[in-house]
Amino acid sequence: MILCDAHCDTLYNLYTKPGQPTDITMERLEKGGVNLQTMAMYIGSDPSPEAVDKLMKGMFEEFEKLKQQGWVQAMDPSETEDGKVKVMLSLEGCEPFEKGLTVIEEYRRKGIRMAAITWNFSNKLATSHNTDATTGLTEYGMQAIKEMQRLGIAADVSHINEAGFWDIINKTDAPPVASHSCARALSEHTRNLTDEQLKAMFQNGGWVGINFFPKFLNIDGPSTLDTVVDHIDHMYQLGGAGYVGLGSDFDGIGTKPEGLDNPLDFPALLNKLRERGYKKPDLEDIAGQAFIRYYKRIS
């Protein structure tokens, strides 16, 4: 079974915390059955151009080190193979694209295939989820997202506000992705997607990866493997069959659901889905096939 994880922050940790252990290791990916791990290039806590440039340079260098150690880069999810581990790059926060549209193509050549329009800062493209819900994309943001889509870079709505989300759905050229988000109906947090947003994602051919951060899974209580499946169940009830998968946020979250600490626990999650009644076709979709098909729709 092909397994894809759409989000982790390992490159940031490798660069900013050298020598410290990470959730994601090659051994864990292999033993956990992960075939495609998307690694985010996170813009960090300082959105100034100088800080972002330094951080991007450092993370690209860390990625080159991984490749020198034998890690294999995938330029497209269609390159995923059973029994092998490959890594694809994404961007978390489009601050690097503020310099101009030509920068987007430079990042695409380096293998960036997904970009969260904002992180927790508003930028030249759009407004973050934690600022306000009503300010839409900027004119430049609309241009930048259409250029991303032209190049096959998925527009990631995981951190954007609601008005920006609807602008992407209604005014741009390809369905977006939410690489690491959950259902707001089950956990009331602005990082999560409302039922209306989720229905629009599924009806328009988008894709949602479930985030494992306990606060996004259950803002008022404990989170377990069952809580993760609850979010998948909820999305399936809204029409999400074939449009939902996994976006762990490993190495980006300080706490984890009980029983889901790192990639070694992916088999336990798949077993929990089986216990909850999911059959082989849906298990294959959730594990990775739905993510691969999404990229076929936007290519």
Foldseek 3Di string as FASTA:
>chain_A
DEFEALEAAVLLCCQPPPPDDFLDDPVLCLLLQYQEYEYEQEQDDDLDPVSSVVSVVSSLVVVVVVVVVPAAADLAPVPGDGNHHHYAYAYEACSVCVVDLVVLVVVSVVRHQEYEPHACCADQFAHWLVPDQATATDPVNQVNQQSSLVSNRAHAPQTGHNRNLVCCLPPHDAQHEHSEEFECVQAPDSSHDYLVSLLSNQVRLYAYAYEFAQNRQHVPDAAALVSSVVRVVVSVVSVCQLRYAHHHHTNNHPDGHVQCNHSSSNVVSLVVVVVVPDDDVSSVSHRPPSVNVSSVRSD
